[in-house]
Each structure stands twice: as C-alpha cells, then as structure tokens.
Amino acid sequence: MLKGIVLSLLAAGSLLSGQSIPARPEQLSYKPLAFEAPRTRDFLLTLKNGIPVYFAADPQGVPFVRLNVLIKGGRYLEPKGKEGLAALTGSQWRLGGTLKTPAEQLDERLEFLAGDIDSSLGDTSGALAMQVMEKDSKEGLDLFMQVLLEPAFAQDRLDLAKQKARQSLQARNDQVPAISRYQLSYLLNGENHFTTAEMTAASLESITRADLQAFHQRLLHPANLVVVVSGRFEKQAMQELLNHTLGALRPAKAAQVSPKVPMPEFVRSPGIYLVDKDVPQSMVQMVIPGLRRTDPDWHAVMVMNQILGGGGFASRLMKKLRSDEGLTYGVSTGFGQGAYWRGDFTCGLQTKNRSVAYALNLILKEIDRIKRETVTDEELKVIKDAIVLGFPSDWSKRQAVAKRFAEEQFAGWPTDWWMDYREKIQAVSKAEVQRVARKYLDVTQAVILVVGKASEAEVGDEKDHPGLLEDVAAQPLRRLPLRDPLTLQPLPK
C-alpha cells in the first residue's frame, strides 16, 4: 500500500515538474475535450432479408455476447376486449418455453450456460434479449431462435401469470403512483385511446393461449424487427451467423407489418383535478402541451427546462421548494420527446397534503418569472456547460450507443441527429430561453392532478402554508372518483 502511494506521488511530481503550480484550484487549466458523437453508419449493417443490425463488437472485452431484437408492436395492437394481451404475450414469449424445449428444460439449460433470455412487450414496442458467454454463443443463439420463432406459451405458466395479474389488478388503488398514472392518462388522452385501454378482470379472463399465439404470429415480420448485438465477437463471423438465423426469417402467412401508432384525438380540459386518497402526502402532477424533438425550438427548450426544474439541485424549482421551503424531497420538470405525437411538459412532486396549494403557487410563480425575466448569465453558462460537458458520458459504452441508434431508428428519428447537439445547445441565448418559456409554458392549458387526502389538500395550512387549492389557477377545481380496480369504471362518490 505504502509503495503504491509513493509511486503515485512520484508520478504526480513528474507531471508537474514541467509546469508551475497555480495558487488556487480554479486557476487550473485543461486542454479542451476532443469528442465527436458516434455516427450511425459506423454501427449499422443490414441482413440479407432487410433487417437492420447495429453491431458493437469488443473483441478484447468481457467474454459475453448480448443480442437484442427490438419488436415494433404492443398494446396499441390489442383487439378491443383483450386488454392486457400484449403484456402477457411479452412475458410468456420466453417464460412459456418453446415447441422443442419445454419451459423447465429451457430454464435449466440457460442456468447451466450462465445465460439468460428475456422478453417483454410494452405500449408500442418490445424486445427479446439474450446474454450468454462467448463460448456458448452458437447454442445460445439456437435457443434464442427457438424462443423467437416457436414459443410454446405453456398453458400452466400462462394460468399462473393470469393469477398474478389479477392480484395486481386488485391492488391497483393501493398505491398513489398507480392511481395517478391511470387517472392522468384518462385526463390527457380520453377513454378511447390505447394508452387508457388498461387490463380489466374481464379482459384478462378472456385472454387464451390461442390469443397469445396469434399476437406473436402477427408481429413476426422482418419489417417489424431491429437487431442490436454487442460483446466479444468478430464482426464478420457474427454477421454470417446472423444471416443464417435472423437473416433467413421470412414473413409467415399471419405476419403483418405493424401499422403507424395512432395519435390521441381527445381534446383536453385544463383544470385542477383532485382524487381523494387517505395518505399523508399528495402526488402532484402538472402537464402542459409541449413539442417534438425535431422542432427547431427543442435545444432552447432543453436549456430553459434545466434552469427551471430539470437540472436537479441546480434548478430553480429544486432550490425554492426543497432547499428554501422544505416542501418536498424532490421536484422535477421535463419535456417529452414526442416520438409519435407532440410531447408534453411535465412537472411532478410529492408533498404534505396541506402544502399542495402552497407548492403549486410557488411553481406557478417560478414559471411566471422565467417567462417575465431573462435568466442570468451565470445560470445560462452553468446549465449549458453541464449539458455540453456531460454529453460525452452518454456515449461512453458502445453497447448502449448501438442500442440507442436502434431505438432511434425504431421511433423514426432523423439519422445522426446528435452530431451538432452541443453546438446548438451552446448557441442558445438568454432571449431564446425567455421566448420558448413564453411559448411552451402556457399555464392556462395546464392539466393539474392531485392524488391525496382531499379534505386537507383543498384547504391548505392557514398558518404555515396558506392558500386554497381552488384559488391556485383560473381553471376550475374538479373532484375525480377512484375507479374500480377490476373494471376501471368510476366508483360512486
């Protein structure tokens, strides 16, 4: 240990011997960081059937191979009355075994190989993922292809999954975040959009093994797949292996190219919505219509958001609500990227029931301030430097970069969109920050949801946190009933 310390001191001394030591730390100077964002073309190849593959080979790395097949399709494709089908298909795709290898044998073989295969389907997409040791990559890929092409959807495992899903439904109103999630979805997208087509007891009961098989078959089209492969392998050899497996996939009769994700047509009603739940703290969420990542204002909006509430402890809202007032452990804001339709500005926090109105008033005052006053030079510099200097760390792992590029293609984002990101961030001015704040922080369009003890949240704390909830905004205050956890129908008030 002592020898290592001595060697470190000698090395440090040799580095400093050719330059004078500054009097203060802030006088240290560093060479500019030379970094260029990776380009898509350096990762992308195409299999013989047209499936794009993003490679991240690391021949000298840890001896593992990771394969991800991203799948376009999910909850938005569920037939009416079969809500929950995508989630069950996604989980049982792997857990239900294959036609050649029953579920128990598949579990045992993967455990013996110290490998893993996982599957899932979400709202608009899913993934089948594998990790095995390099020496077992061929066997692992064989098992992976069995799962991809010939899942068995074992009935006993499906029955068990449905039992667990029903138990989860019964607990739907037990936690404030779960209540807030489904209530906010209805407020933003209405009753008739796939984002609010939640699983019910009836839809769960109606789902059969045949439904899972049919859903799987419709997704199994090369046009619905994007592949990411990373780890220790030779690129040429892996490309040949994939061409003989994934590259040989042809669409079966039931396979369909997944259609465009539908936009919500619902017209929102701005206002404050209150859901009564007897808990000590309320969850508060504010949503205002935003923009898409491809909008010319995006970079200015990112800077503005970091100053307001997205920059952690450096943001105005965190300083005001947590550090100054002690109202919450954390408050954050963000702008959704809007892959399929315009994203939203969101602001969220948890606070005591009686301080809800007070906290909301402080948030609205900070929103008004960033629209009314230009930000300071120091704020602008700190936030822009944080974004720009932190940018290279987002690209430090080739595996993560390859997956990001695959997901970008899946969502339809422009190729190499990130190449000039830092330059556009640095070009944002104080005037632009104020302009986009005025444009995108229109509080008259806000949907505000509060889930907590209504009798306390409505009246506030006259002594320490005064203010009535109904006076927070010009829009009306409305009570929303909880929904039956099994049917999602509103419960009687």
Protein backbone atom coordinates (compact mmCIF):
# COMPACT_ATOMS: atom_id res chain seq x y z
CA MET A 1 0.00 0.00 0.00
CA LEU A 2 2.80 2.43 1.03
CA LYS A 3 4.75 1.57 -2.10
CA GLY A 4 1.72 2.43 -4.27
CA ILE A 5 1.29 5.81 -2.59
CA VAL A 6 4.98 6.66 -3.08
CA LEU A 7 4.83 5.72 -6.75
CA SER A 8 1.68 7.84 -7.21
CA LEU A 9 3.37 10.86 -5.60
CA LEU A 10 6.44 10.42 -7.77
CA ALA A 11 4.28 10.18 -10.89
CA ALA A 12 2.33 13.31 -9.91
CA GLY A 13 5.58 15.17 -9.25
CA SER A 14 6.98 14.24 -12.64
CA LEU A 15 3.80 15.54 -14.33
CA LEU A 16 4.00 18.85 -12.51
CA SER A 17 7.74 19.35 -12.85
CA GLY A 18 7.38 20.95 -16.26
CA GLN A 19 4.71 23.48 -15.23
CA SER A 20 4.15 25.91 -12.38
CA ILE A 21 1.59 25.02 -9.73
CA PRO A 22 -1.28 27.57 -9.64
CA ALA A 23 -2.11 29.33 -6.40
CA ARG A 24 -5.79 28.30 -6.45
CA PRO A 25 -7.72 25.31 -7.87
CA GLU A 26 -9.86 27.49 -10.16
CA GLN A 27 -6.66 28.64 -11.88
CA LEU A 28 -6.01 25.15 -13.20
CA SER A 29 -6.28 24.90 -16.97
CA TYR A 30 -7.16 21.86 -19.04
CA LYS A 31 -6.96 21.03 -22.69
CA PRO A 32 -10.35 21.11 -24.46
CA LEU A 33 -12.05 17.74 -24.55
CA ALA A 34 -11.93 16.38 -28.09
CA PHE A 35 -15.05 14.30 -28.64
CA GLU A 36 -17.24 13.61 -31.63
CA ALA A 37 -20.56 11.85 -31.32
CA PRO A 38 -20.58 8.42 -32.99
CA ARG A 39 -22.19 8.09 -36.41
CA THR A 40 -24.88 5.59 -37.23
CA ARG A 41 -23.01 4.27 -40.25
CA ASP A 42 -20.20 3.00 -38.02
CA PHE A 43 -22.59 0.60 -36.28
CA LEU A 44 -25.19 -0.34 -38.90
CA LEU A 45 -25.31 -3.30 -41.27
CA THR A 46 -28.28 -4.96 -42.96
CA LEU A 47 -29.07 -8.67 -43.07
CA LYS A 48 -29.99 -10.33 -46.35
CA ASN A 49 -33.73 -10.09 -45.59
CA GLY A 50 -33.51 -6.36 -44.82
CA ILE A 51 -33.40 -6.47 -41.01
CA PRO A 52 -31.08 -3.69 -39.75
CA VAL A 53 -28.43 -4.76 -37.25
CA TYR A 54 -26.42 -2.44 -35.01
CA PHE A 55 -23.07 -4.01 -34.09
CA ALA A 56 -20.94 -3.13 -31.08
CA ALA A 57 -18.09 -5.62 -31.22
CA ASP A 58 -15.49 -5.63 -28.45
CA PRO A 59 -13.00 -8.44 -29.32
CA GLN A 60 -10.87 -7.68 -26.25
CA GLY A 61 -13.74 -7.21 -23.80
CA VAL A 62 -15.55 -9.39 -21.28
CA PRO A 63 -16.37 -12.77 -22.88
CA PHE A 64 -20.11 -12.27 -23.24
CA VAL A 65 -22.39 -11.84 -26.25
CA ARG A 66 -25.61 -9.82 -25.96
CA LEU A 67 -28.37 -9.91 -28.56
CA ASN A 68 -31.45 -7.70 -28.57
CA VAL A 69 -34.25 -7.99 -31.12
CA LEU A 70 -36.47 -4.91 -30.88
CA ILE A 71 -40.03 -5.58 -31.99
CA LYS A 72 -42.45 -2.97 -33.32
CA GLY A 73 -45.85 -3.72 -31.84
CA GLY A 74 -47.51 -3.76 -28.44
CA ARG A 75 -50.56 -2.57 -26.57
CA TYR A 76 -51.74 -0.36 -29.42
CA LEU A 77 -52.45 -3.51 -31.48
CA GLU A 78 -54.65 -5.26 -28.90
CA PRO A 79 -58.19 -6.15 -30.04
CA LYS A 80 -60.95 -4.49 -28.02
CA GLY A 81 -61.86 -6.66 -25.07
CA LYS A 82 -58.39 -8.25 -24.95
CA GLU A 83 -56.64 -5.51 -22.98
CA GLY A 84 -53.52 -6.97 -21.38
CA LEU A 85 -52.80 -9.32 -24.29
CA ALA A 86 -49.55 -7.58 -25.26
CA ALA A 87 -48.12 -7.70 -21.75
CA LEU A 88 -48.97 -11.38 -21.33
CA THR A 89 -47.59 -12.24 -24.77
CA GLY A 90 -44.41 -10.35 -23.93
CA SER A 91 -43.79 -12.14 -20.65
CA GLN A 92 -44.83 -15.64 -21.76
CA TRP A 93 -42.90 -15.42 -25.02
CA ARG A 94 -39.85 -16.57 -23.06
CA LEU A 95 -41.30 -17.98 -19.85
CA GLY A 96 -43.62 -20.39 -21.67
CA GLY A 97 -40.79 -22.36 -23.26
CA THR A 98 -40.58 -23.45 -26.91
CA LEU A 99 -42.05 -26.24 -29.03
CA LYS A 100 -38.66 -28.01 -28.99
CA THR A 101 -37.57 -27.14 -25.47
CA PRO A 102 -40.22 -27.15 -22.70
CA ALA A 103 -40.13 -24.28 -20.23
CA GLU A 104 -38.47 -26.22 -17.39
CA GLN A 105 -35.75 -27.58 -19.67
CA LEU A 106 -35.14 -24.12 -21.14
CA ASP A 107 -34.76 -22.68 -17.65
CA GLU A 108 -32.31 -25.41 -16.67
CA ARG A 109 -30.22 -25.14 -19.83
CA LEU A 110 -29.89 -21.36 -19.60
CA GLU A 111 -28.95 -21.66 -15.94
CA PHE A 112 -26.27 -24.25 -16.84
CA LEU A 113 -24.90 -21.88 -19.51
CA ALA A 114 -24.96 -18.94 -17.05
CA GLY A 115 -27.04 -17.22 -19.70
CA ASP A 116 -30.40 -15.54 -19.92
CA ILE A 117 -33.21 -14.80 -22.37
CA ASP A 118 -35.86 -12.21 -21.54
CA SER A 119 -38.93 -10.95 -23.38
CA SER A 120 -41.38 -8.08 -23.00
CA LEU A 121 -43.93 -6.02 -24.91
CA GLY A 122 -44.98 -2.51 -23.96
CA ASP A 123 -47.26 0.15 -25.42
CA THR A 124 -45.68 0.42 -28.87
CA SER A 125 -42.71 -1.95 -28.89
CA GLY A 126 -40.97 -4.76 -27.10
CA ALA A 127 -37.78 -6.79 -27.08
CA LEU A 128 -36.38 -10.28 -26.97
CA ALA A 129 -32.94 -10.18 -25.34
CA MET A 130 -30.22 -12.76 -24.80
CA GLN A 131 -26.94 -12.81 -22.91
CA VAL A 132 -24.57 -15.79 -22.99
CA MET A 133 -20.86 -16.41 -22.66
CA GLU A 134 -18.87 -16.09 -25.88
CA LYS A 135 -18.05 -19.81 -25.98
CA ASP A 136 -21.78 -20.65 -25.83
CA SER A 137 -22.93 -18.12 -28.40
CA LYS A 138 -23.98 -20.69 -31.03
CA GLU A 139 -26.06 -22.74 -28.61
CA GLY A 140 -27.43 -19.59 -27.07
CA LEU A 141 -28.46 -18.29 -30.47
CA ASP A 142 -30.15 -21.61 -31.25
CA LEU A 143 -32.23 -21.35 -28.07
CA PHE A 144 -32.90 -17.71 -28.81
CA MET A 145 -34.22 -18.52 -32.30
CA GLN A 146 -36.46 -21.22 -30.80
CA VAL A 147 -37.95 -18.65 -28.45
CA LEU A 148 -38.32 -16.07 -31.22
CA LEU A 149 -39.92 -18.37 -33.79
CA GLU A 150 -41.57 -21.20 -31.86
CA PRO A 151 -42.72 -20.12 -28.40
CA ALA A 152 -44.93 -22.73 -26.75
CA PHE A 153 -46.84 -20.39 -24.42
CA ALA A 154 -47.21 -23.25 -21.93
CA GLN A 155 -50.74 -23.27 -20.51
CA ASP A 156 -49.69 -23.87 -16.88
CA ARG A 157 -47.37 -20.86 -16.91
CA LEU A 158 -49.98 -18.71 -18.62
CA ASP A 159 -52.51 -19.67 -15.94
CA LEU A 160 -50.04 -18.70 -13.23
CA ALA A 161 -49.29 -15.38 -14.94
CA LYS A 162 -53.01 -14.60 -15.15
CA GLN A 163 -53.45 -15.34 -11.44
CA LYS A 164 -50.64 -12.92 -10.59
CA ALA A 165 -52.05 -10.32 -12.97
CA ARG A 166 -55.44 -10.49 -11.26
CA GLN A 167 -53.81 -9.98 -7.87
CA SER A 168 -52.04 -6.94 -9.31
CA LEU A 169 -55.36 -5.57 -10.57
CA GLN A 170 -56.90 -5.94 -7.12
CA ALA A 171 -54.09 -3.80 -5.69
CA ARG A 172 -54.47 -1.08 -8.34
CA ASN A 173 -55.76 1.53 -5.87
CA ASP A 174 -53.35 0.67 -3.07
CA GLN A 175 -50.54 2.98 -4.19
CA VAL A 176 -50.78 6.67 -5.08
CA PRO A 177 -48.42 6.42 -8.11
CA ALA A 178 -50.63 3.72 -9.68
CA ILE A 179 -53.76 5.82 -9.16
CA SER A 180 -52.05 8.90 -10.52
CA ARG A 181 -50.84 7.04 -13.61
CA TYR A 182 -54.23 5.80 -14.77
CA GLN A 183 -56.11 8.96 -13.80
CA LEU A 184 -53.66 11.21 -15.64
CA SER A 185 -53.84 9.01 -18.72
CA TYR A 186 -57.61 9.50 -18.91
CA LEU A 187 -57.24 13.26 -18.45
CA LEU A 188 -54.67 13.55 -21.23
CA ASN A 189 -55.87 11.01 -23.81
CA GLY A 190 -59.51 10.26 -23.03
CA GLU A 191 -61.36 6.98 -22.75
CA ASN A 192 -60.87 5.72 -26.31
CA HIS A 193 -57.12 5.67 -26.86
CA PHE A 194 -54.87 2.64 -26.45
CA THR A 195 -52.93 4.41 -23.68
CA THR A 196 -56.04 4.19 -21.49
CA ALA A 197 -57.12 0.71 -22.61
CA GLU A 198 -55.97 -0.91 -19.39
CA MET A 199 -56.36 -4.56 -18.46
CA THR A 200 -59.53 -5.41 -16.54
CA ALA A 201 -60.66 -8.60 -14.84
CA ALA A 202 -62.96 -9.34 -17.78
CA SER A 203 -60.33 -8.77 -20.46
CA LEU A 204 -57.79 -10.83 -18.51
CA GLU A 205 -60.25 -13.72 -18.20
CA SER A 206 -60.95 -13.64 -21.95
CA ILE A 207 -57.29 -14.00 -22.99
CA THR A 208 -56.40 -17.51 -24.16
CA ARG A 209 -53.24 -19.30 -25.25
CA ALA A 210 -54.51 -19.07 -28.83
CA ASP A 211 -54.68 -15.27 -28.47
CA LEU A 212 -51.00 -15.19 -27.47
CA GLN A 213 -50.07 -17.40 -30.40
CA ALA A 214 -51.94 -15.21 -32.87
CA PHE A 215 -50.47 -11.99 -31.45
CA HIS A 216 -46.97 -13.46 -31.70
CA GLN A 217 -47.51 -14.55 -35.31
CA ARG A 218 -48.69 -11.15 -36.48
CA LEU A 219 -45.55 -9.48 -35.08
CA LEU A 220 -43.10 -11.94 -36.66
CA HIS A 221 -42.36 -9.94 -39.81
CA PRO A 222 -38.81 -8.79 -40.74
CA ALA A 223 -40.10 -5.23 -41.21
CA ASN A 224 -41.03 -5.16 -37.51
CA LEU A 225 -37.55 -6.07 -36.26
CA VAL A 226 -34.34 -4.17 -35.49
CA VAL A 227 -31.37 -6.03 -34.00
CA VAL A 228 -28.60 -4.97 -31.62
CA VAL A 229 -25.64 -7.28 -30.98
CA SER A 230 -22.76 -6.44 -28.67
CA GLY A 231 -19.94 -8.12 -26.81
CA ARG A 232 -16.86 -10.15 -27.61
CA PHE A 233 -17.06 -11.46 -31.14
CA GLU A 234 -15.59 -10.94 -34.58
CA LYS A 235 -17.91 -8.75 -36.59
CA GLN A 236 -17.67 -10.69 -39.86
CA ALA A 237 -18.28 -14.05 -38.19
CA MET A 238 -21.25 -12.67 -36.25
CA GLN A 239 -22.75 -11.15 -39.39
CA GLU A 240 -22.56 -14.53 -41.14
CA LEU A 241 -24.13 -16.27 -38.13
CA LEU A 242 -26.98 -13.76 -38.00
CA ASN A 243 -27.58 -14.02 -41.74
CA HIS A 244 -28.09 -17.78 -41.36
CA THR A 245 -30.57 -17.27 -38.49
CA LEU A 246 -32.35 -13.93 -38.25
CA GLY A 247 -31.42 -13.11 -41.83
CA ALA A 248 -33.25 -16.22 -43.03
CA LEU A 249 -36.55 -15.15 -41.46
CA ARG A 250 -39.43 -14.81 -43.92
CA PRO A 251 -42.88 -13.49 -43.02
CA ALA A 252 -45.38 -16.24 -42.32
CA LYS A 253 -48.94 -16.05 -43.63
CA ALA A 254 -50.26 -14.43 -40.45
CA ALA A 255 -47.39 -11.92 -40.13
CA GLN A 256 -48.22 -8.24 -40.66
CA VAL A 257 -46.17 -5.08 -40.87
CA SER A 258 -47.16 -3.19 -37.72
CA PRO A 259 -49.13 -0.04 -38.60
CA LYS A 260 -48.43 3.51 -37.53
CA VAL A 261 -49.04 4.25 -33.86
CA PRO A 262 -52.35 6.18 -33.61
CA MET A 263 -52.44 9.68 -32.15
CA PRO A 264 -54.96 10.57 -29.43
CA GLU A 265 -57.85 12.67 -30.73
CA PHE A 266 -59.08 13.67 -27.29
CA VAL A 267 -59.44 17.39 -26.51
CA ARG A 268 -58.12 18.07 -23.01
CA SER A 269 -59.92 20.19 -20.44
CA PRO A 270 -57.44 22.31 -18.47
CA GLY A 271 -58.06 22.49 -14.75
CA ILE A 272 -57.19 21.11 -11.34
CA TYR A 273 -58.35 17.56 -10.69
CA LEU A 274 -58.41 16.07 -7.20
CA VAL A 275 -58.61 12.38 -6.32
CA ASP A 276 -59.29 11.55 -2.68
CA LYS A 277 -56.90 9.01 -1.14
CA ASP A 278 -56.26 8.85 2.60
CA VAL A 279 -52.45 9.19 2.62
CA PRO A 280 -50.12 11.62 4.42
CA GLN A 281 -48.62 13.00 1.19
CA SER A 282 -50.17 14.00 -2.10
CA MET A 283 -48.73 13.28 -5.52
CA VAL A 284 -48.94 16.38 -7.71
CA GLN A 285 -48.51 16.40 -11.48
CA MET A 286 -48.83 19.28 -13.93
CA VAL A 287 -48.95 18.73 -17.70
CA ILE A 288 -48.82 21.38 -20.45
CA PRO A 289 -48.71 20.63 -24.21
CA GLY A 290 -45.12 20.73 -25.47
CA LEU A 291 -43.33 19.91 -28.73
CA ARG A 292 -41.44 17.19 -30.59
CA ARG A 293 -37.70 16.67 -30.52
CA THR A 294 -37.43 17.59 -34.19
CA ASP A 295 -38.89 21.06 -33.55
CA PRO A 296 -36.36 23.90 -34.13
CA ASP A 297 -37.07 25.16 -30.59
CA TRP A 298 -36.00 21.89 -28.96
CA HIS A 299 -32.48 22.90 -27.89
CA ALA A 300 -33.61 26.19 -26.38
CA VAL A 301 -36.40 24.35 -24.58
CA MET A 302 -33.87 21.88 -23.14
CA VAL A 303 -31.78 24.72 -21.69
CA MET A 304 -34.84 26.51 -20.35
CA ASN A 305 -36.16 23.33 -18.73
CA GLN A 306 -32.84 22.58 -17.00
CA ILE A 307 -32.83 26.06 -15.49
CA LEU A 308 -36.44 25.80 -14.36
CA GLY A 309 -36.70 22.30 -12.94
CA GLY A 310 -34.84 19.66 -14.92
CA GLY A 311 -31.34 20.39 -13.67
CA GLY A 312 -31.54 18.71 -10.28
CA PHE A 313 -30.19 20.78 -7.39
CA ALA A 314 -29.05 23.49 -9.82
CA SER A 315 -32.64 24.18 -10.94
CA ARG A 316 -34.81 26.99 -9.63
CA LEU A 317 -37.69 24.80 -8.52
CA MET A 318 -35.47 22.45 -6.52
CA LYS A 319 -33.80 25.37 -4.78
CA LYS A 320 -37.11 27.03 -4.00
CA LEU A 321 -39.31 24.10 -2.99
CA ARG A 322 -36.74 21.83 -1.37
CA SER A 323 -33.82 23.95 -0.19
CA ASP A 324 -35.68 27.14 0.77
CA GLU A 325 -39.13 25.89 1.77
CA GLY A 326 -38.56 22.23 2.70
CA LEU A 327 -41.79 21.18 0.98
CA THR A 328 -40.53 18.11 -0.84
CA TYR A 329 -37.59 15.77 -1.25
CA GLY A 330 -37.58 16.49 -4.96
CA VAL A 331 -39.38 18.30 -7.76
CA SER A 332 -38.58 17.86 -11.43
CA THR A 333 -39.72 19.01 -14.83
CA GLY A 334 -39.22 17.59 -18.30
CA PHE A 335 -40.32 17.72 -21.92
CA GLY A 336 -41.39 14.51 -23.62
CA GLN A 337 -39.65 13.87 -26.93
CA GLY A 338 -42.88 13.08 -28.73
CA ALA A 339 -41.94 10.09 -30.83
CA TYR A 340 -45.44 9.55 -32.23
CA TRP A 341 -47.23 12.77 -31.35
CA ARG A 342 -46.36 16.03 -29.65
CA GLY A 343 -44.74 15.59 -26.27
CA ASP A 344 -45.74 17.30 -23.03
CA PHE A 345 -44.11 19.48 -20.41
CA THR A 346 -44.48 17.75 -17.06
CA CYS A 347 -43.80 18.84 -13.51
CA GLY A 348 -44.09 16.45 -10.60
CA LEU A 349 -43.54 16.28 -6.85
CA GLN A 350 -44.87 14.81 -3.63
CA THR A 351 -45.64 16.98 -0.63
CA LYS A 352 -47.79 17.04 2.50
CA ASN A 353 -51.49 17.30 1.75
CA ARG A 354 -51.80 20.70 3.39
CA SER A 355 -48.91 22.18 1.42
CA VAL A 356 -50.18 21.21 -2.05
CA ALA A 357 -51.71 24.60 -2.91
CA TYR A 358 -48.73 26.46 -1.48
CA ALA A 359 -46.28 24.37 -3.51
CA LEU A 360 -48.30 24.81 -6.71
CA ASN A 361 -48.38 28.55 -6.21
CA LEU A 362 -44.59 28.61 -5.87
CA ILE A 363 -44.23 26.55 -9.06
CA LEU A 364 -46.51 28.89 -10.99
CA LYS A 365 -44.56 31.91 -9.70
CA GLU A 366 -41.29 30.40 -10.93
CA ILE A 367 -42.86 29.66 -14.30
CA ASP A 368 -44.07 33.25 -14.49
CA ARG A 369 -40.62 34.54 -13.51
CA ILE A 370 -38.75 32.63 -16.23
CA LYS A 371 -41.27 33.99 -18.75
CA ARG A 372 -41.11 37.56 -17.42
CA GLU A 373 -37.39 37.97 -16.65
CA THR A 374 -34.34 36.95 -18.62
CA VAL A 375 -32.20 34.35 -16.90
CA THR A 376 -28.81 35.41 -15.56
CA ASP A 377 -25.54 34.96 -17.43
CA GLU A 378 -24.31 32.63 -14.69
CA GLU A 379 -27.41 30.41 -14.80
CA LEU A 380 -27.19 30.11 -18.56
CA LYS A 381 -23.49 29.26 -18.51
CA VAL A 382 -23.78 26.69 -15.71
CA ILE A 383 -26.64 24.85 -17.37
CA LYS A 384 -25.21 24.89 -20.89
CA ASP A 385 -21.80 23.76 -19.63
CA ALA A 386 -23.44 20.94 -17.66
CA ILE A 387 -25.30 19.71 -20.73
CA VAL A 388 -22.32 20.01 -23.07
CA LEU A 389 -19.69 18.60 -20.71
CA GLY A 390 -21.94 15.73 -19.67
CA PHE A 391 -22.71 14.81 -23.26
CA PRO A 392 -19.70 12.50 -23.89
CA SER A 393 -20.60 10.31 -20.91
CA ASP A 394 -23.84 9.40 -22.67
CA TRP A 395 -21.80 7.77 -25.44
CA SER A 396 -19.11 6.02 -23.40
CA LYS A 397 -20.33 2.43 -23.89
CA ARG A 398 -20.57 1.01 -27.40
CA GLN A 399 -23.32 -1.39 -26.37
CA ALA A 400 -25.51 1.49 -25.15
CA VAL A 401 -24.71 3.53 -28.27
CA ALA A 402 -25.77 0.70 -30.58
CA LYS A 403 -29.00 0.23 -28.66
CA ARG A 404 -29.70 3.97 -28.77
CA PHE A 405 -29.26 4.04 -32.54
CA ALA A 406 -31.60 1.06 -32.92
CA GLU A 407 -34.26 2.70 -30.78
CA GLU A 408 -33.85 5.96 -32.71
CA GLN A 409 -34.50 4.13 -35.97
CA PHE A 410 -37.47 2.38 -34.44
CA ALA A 411 -39.03 5.68 -33.41
CA GLY A 412 -38.30 7.27 -36.78
CA TRP A 413 -35.90 9.95 -35.56
CA PRO A 414 -33.51 11.51 -38.10
CA THR A 415 -30.19 9.72 -38.58
CA ASP A 416 -27.22 11.28 -36.75
CA TRP A 417 -29.45 13.85 -35.10
CA TRP A 418 -26.97 14.17 -32.21
CA MET A 419 -23.96 15.25 -34.26
CA ASP A 420 -24.49 19.01 -33.77
CA TYR A 421 -26.38 18.79 -30.48
CA ARG A 422 -23.71 20.51 -28.37
CA GLU A 423 -23.22 23.33 -30.85
CA LYS A 424 -26.95 24.06 -30.87
CA ILE A 425 -27.06 23.99 -27.06
CA GLN A 426 -24.14 26.41 -26.83
CA ALA A 427 -25.84 28.76 -29.30
CA VAL A 428 -28.93 29.19 -27.08
CA SER A 429 -29.23 32.76 -25.83
CA LYS A 430 -30.99 34.32 -22.86
CA ALA A 431 -33.56 35.83 -25.20
CA GLU A 432 -34.32 32.40 -26.67
CA VAL A 433 -34.79 30.91 -23.21
CA GLN A 434 -37.35 33.57 -22.41
CA ARG A 435 -39.05 33.21 -25.80
CA VAL A 436 -39.58 29.44 -25.54
CA ALA A 437 -40.68 29.77 -21.91
CA ARG A 438 -43.41 32.15 -23.03
CA LYS A 439 -44.33 29.89 -25.93
CA TYR A 440 -44.43 26.49 -24.23
CA LEU A 441 -45.28 27.24 -20.59
CA ASP A 442 -48.88 28.32 -21.10
CA VAL A 443 -50.37 27.57 -17.69
CA THR A 444 -53.89 28.29 -18.95
CA GLN A 445 -53.55 24.94 -20.80
CA ALA A 446 -52.33 23.04 -17.74
CA VAL A 447 -53.91 19.83 -16.52
CA ILE A 448 -53.07 19.52 -12.82
CA LEU A 449 -53.73 16.25 -11.00
CA VAL A 450 -53.55 15.89 -7.23
CA VAL A 451 -53.94 12.49 -5.57
CA GLY A 452 -54.08 12.73 -1.79
CA LYS A 453 -56.32 13.42 1.18
CA ALA A 454 -58.80 15.83 -0.36
CA SER A 455 -60.09 17.41 2.87
CA GLU A 456 -56.55 18.59 3.70
CA ALA A 457 -55.32 19.41 0.22
CA GLU A 458 -58.30 21.64 -0.55
CA VAL A 459 -57.93 23.95 2.46
CA GLY A 460 -54.16 24.02 2.98
CA ASP A 461 -52.42 25.11 6.15
CA GLU A 462 -53.54 28.59 7.14
CA LYS A 463 -50.55 29.14 9.43
CA ASP A 464 -47.53 27.82 7.53
CA HIS A 465 -48.71 27.09 4.01
CA PRO A 466 -51.77 29.24 3.33
CA GLY A 467 -53.91 29.10 0.21
CA LEU A 468 -56.92 27.22 -1.10
CA LEU A 469 -56.44 24.68 -3.86
CA GLU A 470 -59.33 26.13 -5.86
CA ASP A 471 -57.52 29.50 -5.98
CA VAL A 472 -54.30 28.16 -7.49
CA ALA A 473 -55.40 28.58 -11.11
CA ALA A 474 -58.15 30.28 -13.04
CA GLN A 475 -59.38 26.90 -14.25
CA PRO A 476 -61.97 25.04 -12.18
CA LEU A 477 -61.26 22.51 -9.43
CA ARG A 478 -62.95 19.16 -10.04
CA ARG A 479 -63.16 16.01 -7.94
CA LEU A 480 -62.43 12.72 -9.71
CA PRO A 481 -63.66 9.42 -8.25
CA LEU A 482 -61.40 6.42 -7.86
CA ARG A 483 -62.07 3.67 -10.37
CA ASP A 484 -62.98 0.11 -9.55
CA PRO A 485 -59.67 -1.79 -9.68
CA LEU A 486 -61.15 -4.73 -11.59
CA THR A 487 -63.44 -2.92 -14.05
CA LEU A 488 -61.91 0.59 -14.19
CA GLN A 489 -65.40 2.03 -14.01
CA PRO A 490 -65.72 5.17 -11.81
CA LEU A 491 -66.78 4.30 -8.27
CA PRO A 492 -69.82 6.02 -6.79
CA LYS A 493 -68.93 9.26 -4.98
